[in-house]
Amino acid sequence: MLIDKEIVLVDNNTEALLHRIGLEALPRVVIESGEVNKSIMTVSSVWKQMMEFGMTRHSRLINVGGGMVLDLGGFAASTYMRGIGFVNVPTTLLAMVDASVGGKTGVNFGGIKNGVGVFSEADEVRVYPELLETLDIKEMLSGYAEMLKHGFVSGKDLLDRTYGYDIERLDINDLKILINENIDLKRSIVNEDFSEKGRRKVLNFGHTAGHAFEELGIEKGLKLRHGYCVAWGMVVATYISVVKTGLERGELTRLRSFVREIWGELPFDCSHYARLYEIMCGDKKNWDGRVNFTLLRRVGDLVTDFDVEKELIFEAIDFLR
């Protein structure tokens, strides 16, 4: 494929990493970091600068950053001149094992996380595990939560090894193995169901409540990392699984203890439940006032689109707290 021009998209944090991956000489578009900037206004600014750089339908955008940059950059590229190619270069653990693969692009809109977007796979994904040495522990733990989710999806072997990995004593070589397994798992599921009509929905485990926690955090001005919210959301979904799908309670006990130790406590109380439920009802995966969860029958065996009543959701959040 003929490429006439390549432009780098970064945020004001990841711009400093370009020299480590040999992209410092390319022209760049710089956006503000943070989930609050994952908006159509930011995309509009990116489109404008892409035009000013003279990008054509034969140009390519290289997205360097965490999940926000990859989601937004993929959406900007996929809609610019009806779609140009793009490359994802994830700089966080979360982005490496989740956002970089699978073709989900988009921005937050109307109070809904990723409310506007398209499915569009990157031309390439370039992973540099050594970039993880630049992250603080909270950012690493955010990605670790998605790895734990993949363990529940994959089966007992990957789950036990993920539980057992000491994320605070970073061993890049050992972590590379887990990263590759996580990428392979997600890619295999995505290849089976690219547009999320069936099997791919298992990857939403922990995200129904997790996205609500994340969105309420934005409303309250709290900087809640995506992975932390997913970790709390997995406890909610696992509690519901014990009640609804017969999951062994030992899995729930193990998970809640682990989540409290690693990711801490949920920063909301019962006065926030009504708003959390309202956010869940507005999630793009739900309809007609239903709130659908991905639940566990057992590790490696999940059921999707399970309609859960409000009272049980509140009970599950109580258990998490």
Protein backbone atom coordinates (compact mmCIF):
# COMPACT_ATOMS: atom_id res chain seq x y z
CA MET A 1 0.00 0.00 0.00
CA LEU A 2 1.32 3.41 -0.98
CA ILE A 3 1.70 5.74 2.01
CA ASP A 4 2.39 9.35 1.13
CA LYS A 5 2.61 10.76 4.67
CA GLU A 6 2.66 9.60 8.28
CA ILE A 7 1.65 11.77 11.23
CA VAL A 8 1.95 10.86 14.91
CA LEU A 9 -0.89 11.44 17.38
CA VAL A 10 0.17 11.71 21.05
CA ASP A 11 -1.04 13.32 24.22
CA ASN A 12 1.01 15.74 26.30
CA ASN A 13 2.35 12.84 28.40
CA THR A 14 3.30 10.33 25.72
CA GLU A 15 4.96 12.90 23.47
CA ALA A 16 8.11 12.48 25.60
CA LEU A 17 8.32 8.78 24.64
CA LEU A 18 8.66 9.27 20.88
CA HIS A 19 12.46 9.24 20.96
CA ARG A 20 12.42 5.82 22.64
CA ILE A 21 10.57 4.25 19.71
CA GLY A 22 12.21 6.13 16.85
CA LEU A 23 9.27 8.38 15.93
CA GLU A 24 10.58 11.74 17.17
CA ALA A 25 11.30 13.02 13.64
CA LEU A 26 7.73 12.65 12.36
CA PRO A 27 5.24 15.54 12.41
CA ARG A 28 2.84 15.25 15.31
CA VAL A 29 -0.55 16.24 16.62
CA VAL A 30 -0.62 16.69 20.40
CA ILE A 31 -3.83 16.46 22.44
CA GLU A 32 -4.50 16.91 26.16
CA SER A 33 -4.34 13.73 28.22
CA GLY A 34 -7.23 12.42 30.30
CA GLU A 35 -10.57 10.72 29.72
CA VAL A 36 -12.36 14.06 29.91
CA ASN A 37 -10.67 14.98 26.60
CA LYS A 38 -11.92 11.86 24.80
CA SER A 39 -14.54 13.94 23.03
CA ILE A 40 -15.84 14.91 19.61
CA MET A 41 -14.35 18.36 20.19
CA THR A 42 -10.88 16.84 20.47
CA VAL A 43 -11.48 14.73 17.36
CA SER A 44 -12.54 17.84 15.47
CA SER A 45 -9.25 19.48 16.43
CA VAL A 46 -7.33 16.41 15.26
CA TRP A 47 -9.17 16.37 11.90
CA LYS A 48 -8.37 20.06 11.43
CA GLN A 49 -4.66 19.52 12.06
CA MET A 50 -4.60 16.45 9.79
CA MET A 51 -5.95 18.66 7.00
CA GLU A 52 -3.39 21.37 7.78
CA PHE A 53 -0.65 18.74 7.47
CA GLY A 54 -2.03 17.88 4.02
CA MET A 55 -2.97 14.31 4.88
CA THR A 56 -4.73 12.45 2.07
CA ARG A 57 -6.52 9.12 1.74
CA HIS A 58 -3.07 7.59 1.23
CA SER A 59 -1.75 8.93 4.55
CA ARG A 60 -1.49 7.09 7.86
CA LEU A 61 -1.95 8.14 11.48
CA ILE A 62 0.31 6.59 14.14
CA ASN A 63 -1.40 6.63 17.54
CA VAL A 64 1.09 6.56 20.43
CA GLY A 65 -0.41 6.41 23.90
CA GLY A 66 -2.82 4.74 26.25
CA GLY A 67 -6.36 3.65 25.56
CA MET A 68 -7.75 7.16 25.23
CA VAL A 69 -5.28 8.10 22.48
CA LEU A 70 -5.74 4.78 20.65
CA ASP A 71 -9.55 4.93 20.77
CA LEU A 72 -9.72 8.56 19.71
CA GLY A 73 -6.95 8.28 17.12
CA GLY A 74 -8.48 5.19 15.56
CA PHE A 75 -11.81 6.99 15.30
CA ALA A 76 -10.21 10.12 13.80
CA ALA A 77 -8.37 8.05 11.19
CA SER A 78 -11.37 5.83 10.39
CA THR A 79 -13.58 8.83 9.63
CA TYR A 80 -11.06 11.21 8.03
CA MET A 81 -11.76 11.31 4.28
CA ARG A 82 -13.97 8.23 4.85
CA GLY A 83 -11.13 6.30 6.35
CA ILE A 84 -7.34 6.18 6.27
CA GLY A 85 -4.94 3.64 7.74
CA PHE A 86 -3.62 3.84 11.28
CA VAL A 87 -1.06 2.19 13.53
CA ASN A 88 -1.45 1.64 17.27
CA VAL A 89 1.57 1.94 19.54
CA PRO A 90 0.30 1.28 23.10
CA THR A 91 2.34 2.84 25.90
CA THR A 92 0.46 1.42 28.90
CA LEU A 93 -0.19 -2.13 30.03
CA LEU A 94 -3.93 -1.53 29.70
CA ALA A 95 -3.57 -0.39 26.12
CA MET A 96 -1.25 -3.28 25.23
CA VAL A 97 -3.63 -6.02 26.38
CA ASP A 98 -6.91 -4.29 25.54
CA ALA A 99 -7.32 -1.10 23.50
CA SER A 100 -4.62 -1.74 20.90
CA VAL A 101 -6.31 -4.88 19.53
CA GLY A 102 -9.87 -5.42 18.38
CA GLY A 103 -10.84 -2.44 16.27
CA LYS A 104 -13.01 -0.59 18.79
CA THR A 105 -12.57 3.13 18.22
CA GLY A 106 -14.58 6.06 19.51
CA VAL A 107 -15.15 8.92 21.90
CA ASN A 108 -17.39 9.59 24.87
CA PHE A 109 -20.59 11.39 23.95
CA GLY A 110 -23.79 12.42 25.70
CA GLY A 111 -22.63 11.05 29.02
CA ILE A 112 -22.04 7.59 27.51
CA LYS A 113 -18.57 6.08 27.46
CA ASN A 114 -17.56 5.41 23.84
CA GLY A 115 -21.01 6.59 22.81
CA VAL A 116 -19.85 7.40 19.27
CA GLY A 117 -17.41 5.24 17.33
CA VAL A 118 -16.77 2.64 14.66
CA PHE A 119 -15.22 -0.80 14.39
CA SER A 120 -11.97 -0.37 12.47
CA GLU A 121 -8.86 -2.48 12.97
CA ALA A 122 -5.38 -0.95 12.96
CA ASP A 123 -3.02 -1.72 10.09
CA GLU A 124 -0.36 -2.61 12.66
CA VAL A 125 0.06 -2.89 16.41
CA ARG A 126 3.58 -2.23 17.68
CA VAL A 127 4.20 -3.30 21.28
CA TYR A 128 7.27 -2.12 23.21
CA PRO A 129 7.10 -3.73 26.69
CA GLU A 130 10.12 -1.72 27.84
CA LEU A 131 7.88 1.38 27.84
CA LEU A 132 6.17 -0.09 30.91
CA GLU A 133 9.23 0.86 32.95
CA THR A 134 8.06 4.49 32.66
CA LEU A 135 4.70 3.84 34.36
CA ASP A 136 3.75 4.31 37.98
CA ILE A 137 2.25 1.40 39.93
CA LYS A 138 -1.35 2.66 39.68
CA GLU A 139 -1.15 2.74 35.90
CA MET A 140 0.30 -0.77 35.88
CA LEU A 141 -2.48 -2.01 38.15
CA SER A 142 -5.06 -0.54 35.81
CA GLY A 143 -3.82 -2.80 33.01
CA TYR A 144 -3.43 -5.73 35.38
CA ALA A 145 -7.21 -5.70 35.97
CA GLU A 146 -7.88 -6.33 32.27
CA MET A 147 -5.35 -9.17 32.36
CA LEU A 148 -7.25 -10.69 35.28
CA LYS A 149 -10.46 -10.37 33.27
CA HIS A 150 -8.83 -12.25 30.41
CA GLY A 151 -7.92 -14.98 32.90
CA PHE A 152 -11.59 -15.44 33.78
CA VAL A 153 -12.41 -15.60 30.07
CA SER A 154 -9.57 -17.97 29.15
CA GLY A 155 -9.62 -20.52 31.95
CA LYS A 156 -8.01 -21.63 35.18
CA ASP A 157 -4.41 -21.82 33.94
CA LEU A 158 -4.12 -18.20 32.78
CA LEU A 159 -6.26 -16.98 35.68
CA ASP A 160 -4.07 -18.65 38.33
CA ARG A 161 -0.86 -17.35 36.72
CA THR A 162 -2.33 -13.84 36.56
CA TYR A 163 -3.40 -14.00 40.21
CA GLY A 164 0.14 -15.14 41.04
CA TYR A 165 2.10 -12.53 39.09
CA ASP A 166 3.71 -9.90 41.32
CA ILE A 167 2.92 -6.74 39.39
CA GLU A 168 4.77 -4.58 41.93
CA ARG A 169 8.06 -6.36 41.19
CA LEU A 170 8.10 -5.81 37.47
CA ASP A 171 9.91 -8.47 35.46
CA ILE A 172 9.64 -7.38 31.83
CA ASN A 173 10.61 -10.80 30.43
CA ASP A 174 7.96 -12.65 32.45
CA LEU A 175 5.40 -9.97 31.75
CA LYS A 176 6.07 -10.21 27.99
CA ILE A 177 4.81 -13.79 28.08
CA LEU A 178 1.57 -12.78 29.78
CA ILE A 179 1.12 -9.79 27.46
CA ASN A 180 1.50 -11.98 24.38
CA GLU A 181 -1.00 -14.51 25.76
CA ASN A 182 -3.48 -11.72 26.49
CA ILE A 183 -3.11 -10.26 23.00
CA ASP A 184 -3.48 -13.70 21.39
CA LEU A 185 -6.60 -14.42 23.44
CA LYS A 186 -8.26 -11.16 22.55
CA ARG A 187 -7.28 -11.42 18.88
CA SER A 188 -8.72 -14.94 18.61
CA ILE A 189 -12.06 -13.81 20.09
CA VAL A 190 -12.16 -10.70 17.90
CA ASN A 191 -11.39 -12.72 14.76
CA GLU A 192 -14.38 -14.90 15.59
CA ASP A 193 -16.76 -11.98 16.19
CA PHE A 194 -15.33 -8.66 15.03
CA SER A 195 -18.49 -6.54 15.35
CA GLU A 196 -19.50 -7.93 18.78
CA LYS A 197 -22.67 -9.77 17.86
CA GLY A 198 -21.95 -12.86 19.94
CA ARG A 199 -18.77 -14.43 21.35
CA ARG A 200 -16.90 -11.14 21.72
CA LYS A 201 -19.34 -10.01 24.40
CA VAL A 202 -17.52 -12.23 26.92
CA LEU A 203 -14.84 -9.51 26.97
CA ASN A 204 -17.41 -7.21 28.62
CA PHE A 205 -17.09 -9.13 31.90
CA GLY A 206 -16.83 -6.53 34.66
CA HIS A 207 -17.59 -3.63 32.33
CA THR A 208 -21.31 -3.06 32.89
CA ALA A 209 -20.80 -1.85 36.44
CA GLY A 210 -17.20 -0.81 35.70
CA HIS A 211 -18.19 1.72 33.05
CA ALA A 212 -20.82 3.16 35.41
CA PHE A 213 -18.21 3.58 38.16
CA GLU A 214 -15.90 5.24 35.65
CA GLU A 215 -18.56 7.60 34.29
CA LEU A 216 -19.74 8.63 37.76
CA GLY A 217 -16.11 9.26 38.67
CA ILE A 218 -15.85 11.70 35.77
CA GLU A 219 -19.04 13.45 36.92
CA LYS A 220 -17.65 13.76 40.45
CA GLY A 221 -14.24 14.97 39.31
CA LEU A 222 -12.52 11.79 40.51
CA LYS A 223 -9.63 10.41 38.48
CA LEU A 224 -10.66 6.76 38.51
CA ARG A 225 -8.56 4.59 36.22
CA HIS A 226 -10.42 2.28 33.86
CA GLY A 227 -8.83 -0.89 35.22
CA TYR A 228 -9.72 -0.07 38.82
CA CYS A 229 -13.35 0.35 37.79
CA VAL A 230 -13.28 -2.93 35.87
CA ALA A 231 -11.82 -4.72 38.92
CA TRP A 232 -14.68 -3.44 41.08
CA GLY A 233 -17.11 -4.28 38.27
CA MET A 234 -15.86 -7.87 38.15
CA VAL A 235 -16.73 -8.30 41.83
CA VAL A 236 -20.26 -7.04 41.12
CA ALA A 237 -20.64 -9.39 38.14
CA THR A 238 -19.19 -12.32 40.08
CA TYR A 239 -21.61 -11.80 42.97
CA ILE A 240 -24.50 -11.79 40.50
CA SER A 241 -23.05 -14.93 38.90
CA VAL A 242 -23.19 -16.78 42.23
CA VAL A 243 -26.87 -15.85 42.55
CA LYS A 244 -27.95 -16.31 38.93
CA THR A 245 -25.70 -18.80 37.14
CA GLY A 246 -24.48 -21.11 39.88
CA LEU A 247 -20.86 -19.97 40.08
CA GLU A 248 -19.00 -21.46 43.05
CA ARG A 249 -18.88 -18.94 45.89
CA GLY A 250 -15.17 -19.62 46.41
CA GLU A 251 -14.39 -17.74 43.18
CA LEU A 252 -16.24 -14.71 44.54
CA THR A 253 -14.49 -14.81 47.90
CA ARG A 254 -11.08 -15.10 46.26
CA LEU A 255 -11.77 -12.26 43.84
CA ARG A 256 -13.18 -9.80 46.38
CA SER A 257 -10.23 -10.31 48.75
CA PHE A 258 -7.78 -9.85 45.89
CA VAL A 259 -9.53 -6.75 44.54
CA ARG A 260 -9.64 -5.09 47.96
CA GLU A 261 -5.95 -5.79 48.48
CA ILE A 262 -4.78 -4.60 45.05
CA TRP A 263 -7.31 -1.97 43.90
CA GLY A 264 -8.76 -0.80 47.20
CA GLU A 265 -12.32 0.18 48.00
CA LEU A 266 -15.04 1.66 45.82
CA PRO A 267 -15.25 5.45 46.44
CA PHE A 268 -19.07 5.54 46.28
CA ASP A 269 -21.81 4.78 48.79
CA CYS A 270 -25.50 3.88 48.65
CA SER A 271 -26.47 7.49 47.93
CA HIS A 272 -24.89 7.01 44.47
CA TYR A 273 -26.73 3.79 43.55
CA ALA A 274 -29.61 5.43 41.70
CA ARG A 275 -27.24 7.43 39.48
CA LEU A 276 -25.05 4.37 38.86
CA TYR A 277 -28.12 2.42 37.75
CA GLU A 278 -29.20 5.28 35.49
CA ILE A 279 -25.78 5.26 33.83
CA MET A 280 -25.97 1.48 33.34
CA CYS A 281 -29.38 1.82 31.68
CA GLY A 282 -27.88 4.35 29.25
CA ASP A 283 -24.95 2.14 28.33
CA LYS A 284 -24.83 1.43 24.59
CA LYS A 285 -24.97 -2.35 25.28
CA ASN A 286 -28.36 -2.03 26.99
CA TRP A 287 -31.85 -1.25 25.72
CA ASP A 288 -35.47 -0.87 26.81
CA GLY A 289 -34.59 -0.25 30.45
CA ARG A 290 -32.74 -3.58 30.71
CA VAL A 291 -29.28 -3.85 32.22
CA ASN A 292 -27.35 -6.72 30.68
CA PHE A 293 -24.36 -8.34 32.35
CA THR A 294 -21.76 -10.82 31.19
CA LEU A 295 -21.69 -13.48 33.91
CA LEU A 296 -19.66 -16.55 34.85
CA ARG A 297 -20.97 -20.08 35.04
CA ARG A 298 -17.43 -21.06 35.90
CA VAL A 299 -13.98 -19.82 34.98
CA GLY A 300 -13.69 -19.99 31.19
CA ASP A 301 -17.45 -20.41 30.69
CA LEU A 302 -19.36 -17.14 30.45
CA VAL A 303 -22.92 -16.18 29.52
CA THR A 304 -23.69 -12.84 27.86
CA ASP A 305 -26.71 -10.51 27.68
CA PHE A 306 -28.03 -11.62 31.07
CA ASP A 307 -30.77 -9.23 32.20
CA VAL A 308 -30.29 -8.36 35.89
CA GLU A 309 -32.82 -6.58 38.09
CA LYS A 310 -32.00 -3.35 39.90
CA GLU A 311 -32.31 -4.80 43.40
CA LEU A 312 -29.72 -7.50 42.75
CA ILE A 313 -27.32 -4.97 41.22
CA PHE A 314 -27.58 -2.84 44.36
CA GLU A 315 -27.08 -5.94 46.51
CA ALA A 316 -23.94 -6.80 44.54
CA ILE A 317 -22.53 -3.29 44.99
CA ASP A 318 -23.28 -3.60 48.70
CA PHE A 319 -21.23 -6.80 48.75
CA LEU A 320 -18.36 -5.06 46.93
CA ARG A 321 -18.41 -2.24 49.51
